[in-house]
Amino acid sequence: MILTGSPASNIPKDYQRIVLLNPTRYLGNLMIAGGIIQQFLKYCQKNNIRFLLVVDAAYQELLQDSFPTETLLFYPRTQIKQASSFKKILLYFKCLLAIRRFNADIAFNIEEDSVSHRLTQLSAAKFKLGSNLARNKHGYDHVLDINYFNRDPAHKHRWYGFAEVFNKLGLQTLQPSYLRLTVQNISDPLLEKFSHLDVDLEAPLIAIHASAAKDYKKWPATNFAELIFLLNKQGYKTVLIGAGDADQQANKNILECIKDNYSNSNTDIDIDIECTDLCNQLSLFELASLLTQVKAMIGNDSGPFHLAAALGVKGCVIFGPTDVALWRPLSKDSIVLKSEQACAPECTKIGCIYNNRCLKSIKPWQVLEKLQNLL
């Protein structure tokens, strides 16, 4: 599907400097919006418009070869979170002053988070543009009425909501796609690191991300453990990926399930389960480098799966009550698994009387079958 349209009449047409405040915490959102941002950068370059993208510093290494250096400004979210109260203020205002020195004609945001909202308000831009009437009520010169959720089925995906903002700024023709990442050949130091972590890049590797931002997106650890056992029987080696405490706990639960149910000491199984836990061992860029080497990716609806899909990795993504039409991968090499067993009408994502049976009813053998067909 191609989205076409014309700029909004009440947005300045002769702008020369524009800044996008998009320090999103969500990797998936960056992957989904990133391709549009790259197209908008080309539009700005063609029309001699200076463009600045403010993005979370966690993505600095990942984005360094995908955007010109002078177009990027990094918001130090993690540093601010970890710093003392005084240092928090200094770090925040250092970033804010850099935005204000850019002297933008237009500042806008495409995320519905408080950081993007506040930085846009304080940007000192001549024209401040919001994209959500419900949240961006004050401090804006104009707010686009972008409906991110209640859209017609053909244009329901989150990509279309992001694209509509850029469409109003003059970018007229867009095709749904991910952020195009440039990941160079793996360096010798990184090869050595993988070797130290017991990752054999010559083996048929399957990457697994078993966590997610929300509990209702998480397929049970017992299912992942059984799937890893089945993959090992087929000759694949698995690596568990992730970052942060939640991902670490998810991986720990899986490894415990494997030890309790599939180890040689407890059963008559005649194979050793080869599964390496890489949680908190890799930077985001190193993870991207690893993903370019794996046979496939399996995971919940999460940022790492969108990263893998953006890199062209084949994969199976497991959906629970989340809306597939809104958040499905944009890659043709990704297969979505969602149970046809619906929950009760009165259920919500955070309050399911059947304990998210729509997610848990998906069986490991079904995932394996889909993966084998894909490969």
Protein backbone atom coordinates (compact mmCIF):
# COMPACT_ATOMS: atom_id res chain seq x y z
CA MET A 1 0.00 0.00 0.00
CA ILE A 2 1.22 3.49 -0.85
CA LEU A 3 0.22 6.52 1.17
CA THR A 4 -0.15 9.75 -0.78
CA GLY A 5 -1.41 13.17 0.16
CA SER A 6 -0.60 16.84 0.43
CA PRO A 7 0.82 19.09 3.18
CA ALA A 8 -1.49 20.56 5.80
CA SER A 9 -2.49 24.11 4.88
CA ASN A 10 -1.82 25.64 8.32
CA ILE A 11 1.82 24.40 8.58
CA PRO A 12 4.47 26.84 7.29
CA LYS A 13 5.52 25.91 3.75
CA ASP A 14 8.82 27.79 3.57
CA TYR A 15 10.57 26.27 6.57
CA GLN A 16 14.36 25.87 6.34
CA ARG A 17 15.20 24.18 9.63
CA ILE A 18 13.15 21.39 11.18
CA VAL A 19 13.73 19.19 14.20
CA LEU A 20 12.04 15.90 15.05
CA LEU A 21 11.90 15.16 18.78
CA ASN A 22 11.78 11.36 18.87
CA PRO A 23 13.78 10.01 21.84
CA THR A 24 11.62 6.90 21.98
CA ARG A 25 12.35 4.16 24.52
CA TYR A 26 10.77 1.61 22.21
CA LEU A 27 13.07 -0.04 19.69
CA GLY A 28 10.13 -1.35 17.68
CA ASN A 29 8.72 2.15 17.19
CA LEU A 30 12.10 3.38 15.96
CA MET A 31 12.32 0.52 13.46
CA ILE A 32 8.78 1.20 12.21
CA ALA A 33 9.15 4.98 11.93
CA GLY A 34 12.81 4.95 10.91
CA GLY A 35 12.29 4.28 7.22
CA ILE A 36 9.94 7.25 6.96
CA ILE A 37 12.46 9.43 8.81
CA GLN A 38 15.16 8.43 6.32
CA GLN A 39 12.86 9.33 3.44
CA PHE A 40 12.05 12.66 5.07
CA LEU A 41 15.77 13.36 5.44
CA LYS A 42 16.17 12.86 1.68
CA TYR A 43 13.21 15.18 1.11
CA CYS A 44 14.87 17.83 3.28
CA GLN A 45 18.22 17.45 1.53
CA LYS A 46 16.56 17.81 -1.88
CA ASN A 47 14.82 21.01 -0.74
CA ASN A 48 17.83 22.49 1.12
CA ILE A 49 16.16 22.09 4.50
CA ARG A 50 18.31 21.49 7.57
CA PHE A 51 17.04 18.47 9.51
CA LEU A 52 17.83 17.37 13.05
CA LEU A 53 16.68 14.12 14.65
CA VAL A 54 16.71 13.91 18.45
CA VAL A 55 16.85 10.24 19.41
CA ASP A 56 17.69 8.17 22.47
CA ALA A 57 21.44 7.79 23.05
CA ALA A 58 20.92 4.03 23.39
CA TYR A 59 20.65 3.93 19.58
CA GLN A 60 23.80 5.94 18.83
CA GLU A 61 26.00 3.08 17.64
CA LEU A 62 23.13 1.40 15.80
CA LEU A 63 22.28 4.55 13.82
CA GLN A 64 25.78 5.87 13.18
CA ASP A 65 25.95 4.57 9.60
CA SER A 66 22.27 5.08 8.78
CA PHE A 67 22.11 8.88 9.18
CA PRO A 68 24.69 11.63 8.59
CA THR A 69 26.37 12.55 11.88
CA GLU A 70 25.29 16.19 11.68
CA THR A 71 21.60 15.20 11.55
CA LEU A 72 21.66 13.37 14.90
CA LEU A 73 21.39 14.62 18.47
CA PHE A 74 21.23 12.07 21.26
CA TYR A 75 19.05 12.37 24.33
CA PRO A 76 20.95 10.82 27.29
CA ARG A 77 18.01 8.98 28.86
CA THR A 78 20.04 6.28 30.62
CA GLN A 79 22.63 8.76 31.88
CA ILE A 80 19.88 11.01 33.26
CA LYS A 81 18.24 8.05 34.97
CA GLN A 82 21.47 6.98 36.66
CA ALA A 83 22.85 10.43 37.56
CA SER A 84 22.54 12.44 40.75
CA SER A 85 19.80 15.09 40.89
CA PHE A 86 22.19 17.92 39.96
CA LYS A 87 23.77 15.93 37.12
CA LYS A 88 20.32 15.02 35.80
CA ILE A 89 19.54 18.72 35.38
CA LEU A 90 22.87 19.39 33.68
CA LEU A 91 22.47 16.53 31.22
CA TYR A 92 18.90 17.48 30.38
CA PHE A 93 19.68 21.13 29.80
CA LYS A 94 22.78 20.36 27.75
CA CYS A 95 20.58 18.42 25.33
CA LEU A 96 17.85 21.06 25.42
CA LEU A 97 20.33 23.88 24.71
CA ALA A 98 21.65 21.98 21.69
CA ILE A 99 18.08 21.73 20.38
CA ARG A 100 17.46 25.43 20.97
CA ARG A 101 20.74 26.39 19.26
CA PHE A 102 19.54 24.61 16.15
CA ASN A 103 17.05 27.49 15.84
CA ALA A 104 14.35 25.40 14.17
CA ASP A 105 11.52 26.87 12.16
CA ILE A 106 9.44 23.80 13.04
CA ALA A 107 9.75 21.32 15.90
CA PHE A 108 7.50 18.29 15.95
CA ASN A 109 7.12 14.90 17.59
CA ILE A 110 5.59 11.62 16.52
CA GLU A 111 5.66 9.84 19.89
CA GLU A 112 3.03 10.20 22.62
CA ASP A 113 5.52 10.29 25.49
CA SER A 114 6.26 13.03 27.99
CA VAL A 115 9.93 13.49 26.99
CA SER A 116 9.17 14.20 23.32
CA HIS A 117 6.26 16.42 24.36
CA ARG A 118 8.31 18.50 26.80
CA LEU A 119 11.33 18.87 24.52
CA THR A 120 9.08 20.05 21.70
CA GLN A 121 7.49 22.64 23.97
CA LEU A 122 10.90 23.92 25.12
CA SER A 123 12.61 23.73 21.73
CA ALA A 124 12.32 27.48 20.99
CA ALA A 125 11.14 26.59 17.50
CA LYS A 126 9.11 29.24 15.71
CA PHE A 127 6.32 26.72 15.04
CA LYS A 128 5.61 23.78 17.34
CA LEU A 129 3.68 20.90 15.83
CA GLY A 130 2.01 18.07 17.77
CA SER A 131 0.40 14.90 16.49
CA ASN A 132 -2.09 13.92 19.17
CA LEU A 133 -5.04 16.11 20.13
CA ALA A 134 -5.65 14.16 23.33
CA ARG A 135 -2.12 14.62 24.71
CA ASN A 136 -0.71 17.70 22.97
CA LYS A 137 -3.17 20.27 24.28
CA HIS A 138 -0.85 23.06 25.35
CA GLY A 139 2.30 24.72 24.09
CA TYR A 140 1.76 23.96 20.40
CA ASP A 141 1.00 26.19 17.43
CA HIS A 142 -0.89 23.39 15.76
CA VAL A 143 -1.81 19.80 16.60
CA LEU A 144 -2.53 17.31 13.84
CA ASP A 145 -5.49 15.06 14.50
CA ILE A 146 -3.64 11.81 13.89
CA ASN A 147 -5.68 8.80 14.92
CA TYR A 148 -3.09 6.12 15.58
CA PHE A 149 -5.51 3.35 16.50
CA ASN A 150 -9.04 3.63 15.08
CA ARG A 151 -8.18 3.52 11.39
CA ASP A 152 -9.55 1.67 8.38
CA PRO A 153 -8.18 -1.90 8.17
CA ALA A 154 -5.97 -1.24 5.13
CA HIS A 155 -4.15 1.58 6.95
CA LYS A 156 -4.35 0.41 10.55
CA HIS A 157 -0.68 -0.42 11.08
CA ARG A 158 1.22 2.00 13.31
CA TRP A 159 3.41 2.84 10.31
CA TYR A 160 0.51 4.68 8.68
CA GLY A 161 0.00 6.87 11.74
CA PHE A 162 3.66 7.89 11.71
CA ALA A 163 3.60 8.41 7.94
CA GLU A 164 0.59 10.72 8.13
CA VAL A 165 2.61 13.28 10.13
CA PHE A 166 5.37 13.43 7.51
CA ASN A 167 2.77 13.51 4.78
CA LYS A 168 1.42 16.75 6.26
CA LEU A 169 4.96 18.18 6.20
CA GLY A 170 5.31 17.62 2.47
CA LEU A 171 6.54 14.04 2.02
CA GLN A 172 4.03 12.92 -0.57
CA THR A 173 4.62 9.28 -1.47
CA LEU A 174 5.57 6.56 0.97
CA GLN A 175 5.79 2.78 0.92
CA PRO A 176 5.65 0.84 4.22
CA SER A 177 9.16 -0.23 5.19
CA TYR A 178 11.51 -0.43 8.14
CA LEU A 179 14.49 1.69 9.04
CA ARG A 180 17.30 0.71 6.68
CA LEU A 181 20.25 -0.20 8.85
CA THR A 182 23.85 -0.46 7.75
CA VAL A 183 25.62 -3.18 9.67
CA GLN A 184 29.20 -3.68 8.50
CA ASN A 185 31.12 -6.96 8.53
CA ILE A 186 31.76 -8.24 12.02
CA SER A 187 35.04 -6.89 13.36
CA ASP A 188 37.77 -9.15 14.71
CA PRO A 189 37.24 -7.93 18.30
CA LEU A 190 33.53 -8.75 18.05
CA LEU A 191 34.32 -12.16 16.57
CA GLU A 192 36.59 -12.76 19.53
CA LYS A 193 33.82 -11.66 21.90
CA PHE A 194 31.33 -14.06 20.32
CA SER A 195 33.88 -16.84 20.65
CA HIS A 196 34.41 -15.97 24.32
CA LEU A 197 30.63 -16.11 24.82
CA ASP A 198 30.58 -19.58 23.25
CA VAL A 199 28.64 -18.44 20.18
CA ASP A 200 29.57 -20.48 17.11
CA LEU A 201 28.69 -18.33 14.10
CA GLU A 202 29.28 -21.29 11.79
CA ALA A 203 26.47 -23.25 13.48
CA PRO A 204 22.80 -23.01 12.41
CA LEU A 205 21.75 -20.45 15.02
CA ILE A 206 18.24 -19.50 16.05
CA ALA A 207 17.91 -16.31 18.10
CA ILE A 208 15.14 -16.22 20.71
CA HIS A 209 13.76 -13.19 22.52
CA ALA A 210 11.51 -14.49 25.27
CA SER A 211 10.54 -11.25 26.98
CA ALA A 212 8.45 -8.21 26.05
CA ALA A 213 7.47 -4.80 27.36
CA LYS A 214 4.12 -6.13 28.65
CA ASP A 215 3.35 -9.36 30.51
CA TYR A 216 0.41 -10.17 28.26
CA LYS A 217 2.85 -10.44 25.33
CA LYS A 218 5.05 -13.09 26.98
CA TRP A 219 4.76 -16.69 25.80
CA PRO A 220 5.33 -19.06 28.76
CA ALA A 221 8.88 -20.11 29.67
CA THR A 222 7.83 -23.77 29.56
CA ASN A 223 6.79 -23.35 25.92
CA PHE A 224 10.08 -21.71 25.00
CA ALA A 225 11.97 -24.51 26.79
CA GLU A 226 10.09 -27.18 24.83
CA LEU A 227 10.64 -25.27 21.59
CA ILE A 228 14.40 -25.07 22.26
CA PHE A 229 14.43 -28.84 22.87
CA LEU A 230 12.63 -29.43 19.56
CA LEU A 231 15.01 -27.07 17.73
CA ASN A 232 18.00 -28.90 19.16
CA LYS A 233 16.58 -32.20 17.93
CA GLN A 234 16.44 -30.65 14.46
CA GLY A 235 20.13 -29.70 14.69
CA TYR A 236 19.77 -26.01 15.52
CA LYS A 237 21.61 -24.17 18.27
CA THR A 238 19.78 -21.43 20.13
CA VAL A 239 20.87 -18.15 21.66
CA LEU A 240 18.69 -16.26 24.13
CA ILE A 241 18.96 -12.50 23.67
CA GLY A 242 17.76 -9.52 25.68
CA ALA A 243 18.75 -6.67 27.95
CA GLY A 244 17.60 -5.59 31.38
CA ASP A 245 16.26 -7.32 34.45
CA ALA A 246 12.98 -8.52 32.91
CA ASP A 247 14.73 -10.17 29.97
CA GLN A 248 17.30 -11.70 32.30
CA GLN A 249 14.56 -13.24 34.43
CA ALA A 250 12.72 -14.55 31.37
CA ASN A 251 15.87 -16.28 30.12
CA LYS A 252 16.63 -17.65 33.59
CA ASN A 253 13.14 -19.18 33.77
CA ILE A 254 13.65 -20.89 30.41
CA LEU A 255 17.04 -22.32 31.36
CA GLU A 256 15.61 -23.64 34.61
CA CYS A 257 12.78 -25.32 32.69
CA ILE A 258 15.32 -26.91 30.36
CA LYS A 259 17.39 -28.13 33.32
CA ASP A 260 14.35 -29.52 35.11
CA ASN A 261 12.68 -31.19 32.14
CA TYR A 262 15.17 -31.83 29.36
CA SER A 263 18.60 -32.46 30.91
CA ASN A 264 20.30 -35.85 30.48
CA SER A 265 20.46 -36.32 34.24
CA ASN A 266 16.68 -36.17 34.62
CA THR A 267 15.48 -37.94 31.49
CA ASP A 268 16.41 -40.52 28.89
CA ILE A 269 17.06 -37.76 26.33
CA ASP A 270 20.26 -38.51 24.47
CA ILE A 271 21.15 -34.98 23.38
CA ASP A 272 22.63 -32.02 25.18
CA ILE A 273 20.47 -28.92 24.90
CA GLU A 274 22.67 -26.23 23.39
CA CYS A 275 21.32 -22.87 24.47
CA THR A 276 23.46 -19.82 25.22
CA ASP A 277 22.13 -16.94 27.29
CA LEU A 278 23.42 -13.61 25.91
CA CYS A 279 21.21 -11.32 27.97
CA ASN A 280 23.05 -8.13 28.98
CA GLN A 281 26.16 -9.35 27.14
CA LEU A 282 25.77 -7.38 23.91
CA SER A 283 25.26 -3.77 22.93
CA LEU A 284 22.39 -3.05 20.57
CA PHE A 285 24.82 -2.76 17.67
CA GLU A 286 26.49 -6.06 18.62
CA LEU A 287 23.06 -7.68 18.78
CA ALA A 288 22.28 -6.37 15.29
CA SER A 289 25.59 -7.83 14.08
CA LEU A 290 24.71 -11.19 15.62
CA LEU A 291 21.26 -11.18 14.04
CA THR A 292 22.79 -10.84 10.58
CA GLN A 293 24.42 -14.25 11.21
CA VAL A 294 21.47 -16.30 12.48
CA LYS A 295 19.19 -18.56 10.48
CA ALA A 296 16.05 -17.14 12.03
CA MET A 297 14.54 -15.27 14.97
CA ILE A 298 11.72 -16.43 17.22
CA GLY A 299 10.14 -14.17 19.80
CA ASN A 300 7.26 -12.31 21.28
CA ASP A 301 5.91 -9.07 19.85
CA SER A 302 8.82 -6.84 20.88
CA GLY A 303 11.48 -4.40 19.71
CA PRO A 304 14.19 -7.02 19.10
CA PHE A 305 11.91 -8.91 16.73
CA HIS A 306 11.28 -5.72 14.73
CA LEU A 307 15.06 -5.15 14.70
CA ALA A 308 15.60 -8.63 13.26
CA ALA A 309 12.84 -8.10 10.69
CA ALA A 310 14.37 -4.76 9.69
CA LEU A 311 17.67 -6.56 9.08
CA GLY A 312 15.95 -9.05 6.78
CA VAL A 313 16.13 -11.97 9.21
CA LYS A 314 13.49 -14.66 8.74
CA GLY A 315 11.38 -15.16 11.81
CA CYS A 316 8.27 -16.24 13.67
CA VAL A 317 6.65 -13.78 16.05
CA ILE A 318 4.16 -14.96 18.68
CA PHE A 319 1.18 -12.70 19.35
CA GLY A 320 -1.21 -12.74 22.29
CA PRO A 321 -4.06 -10.24 22.65
CA THR A 322 -2.09 -7.47 20.91
CA ASP A 323 -3.63 -6.23 17.65
CA VAL A 324 -1.71 -7.90 14.81
CA ALA A 325 -2.97 -5.39 12.24
CA LEU A 326 -1.48 -2.57 14.30
CA TRP A 327 1.88 -4.08 15.24
CA ARG A 328 2.68 -6.90 12.80
CA PRO A 329 6.21 -7.01 11.33
CA LEU A 330 6.60 -5.13 8.06
CA SER A 331 8.86 -7.82 6.60
CA LYS A 332 7.59 -10.49 4.20
CA ASP A 333 10.08 -12.88 5.80
CA SER A 334 8.22 -12.77 9.13
CA ILE A 335 5.38 -15.12 10.07
CA VAL A 336 2.85 -14.15 12.73
CA LEU A 337 1.47 -16.84 15.02
CA LYS A 338 -1.75 -15.87 16.78
CA SER A 339 -4.23 -18.29 18.28
CA GLU A 340 -7.72 -18.48 16.87
CA GLN A 341 -8.93 -19.26 20.38
CA ALA A 342 -10.36 -15.94 21.46
CA CYS A 343 -10.69 -14.86 25.03
CA ALA A 344 -14.01 -13.75 26.51
CA PRO A 345 -15.50 -10.50 25.17
CA GLU A 346 -15.13 -8.87 28.57
CA CYS A 347 -11.37 -9.55 28.66
CA THR A 348 -8.79 -6.81 28.21
CA LYS A 349 -5.05 -7.11 27.63
CA ILE A 350 -4.35 -6.47 31.29
CA GLY A 351 -7.38 -8.23 32.76
CA CYS A 352 -8.03 -11.61 31.16
CA ILE A 353 -10.33 -14.01 33.00
CA TYR A 354 -8.75 -16.89 31.05
CA ASN A 355 -5.16 -15.89 31.90
CA ASN A 356 -4.29 -15.00 28.29
CA ARG A 357 -5.20 -18.41 26.89
CA CYS A 358 -5.06 -16.93 23.36
CA LEU A 359 -1.28 -16.64 23.82
CA LYS A 360 -0.64 -19.76 25.87
CA SER A 361 -2.62 -22.04 23.56
CA ILE A 362 0.02 -21.64 20.84
CA LYS A 363 2.08 -24.85 20.99
CA PRO A 364 5.84 -25.21 20.49
CA TRP A 365 5.38 -27.72 17.66
CA GLN A 366 3.25 -25.16 15.81
CA VAL A 367 6.06 -22.61 16.02
CA LEU A 368 8.59 -25.19 14.83
CA GLU A 369 6.35 -26.16 11.92
CA LYS A 370 5.98 -22.54 10.82
CA LEU A 371 9.72 -21.98 11.14
CA GLN A 372 10.57 -25.04 9.06
CA ASN A 373 8.19 -23.90 6.33
CA LEU A 374 9.80 -20.45 6.41
CA LEU A 375 13.33 -21.85 6.16
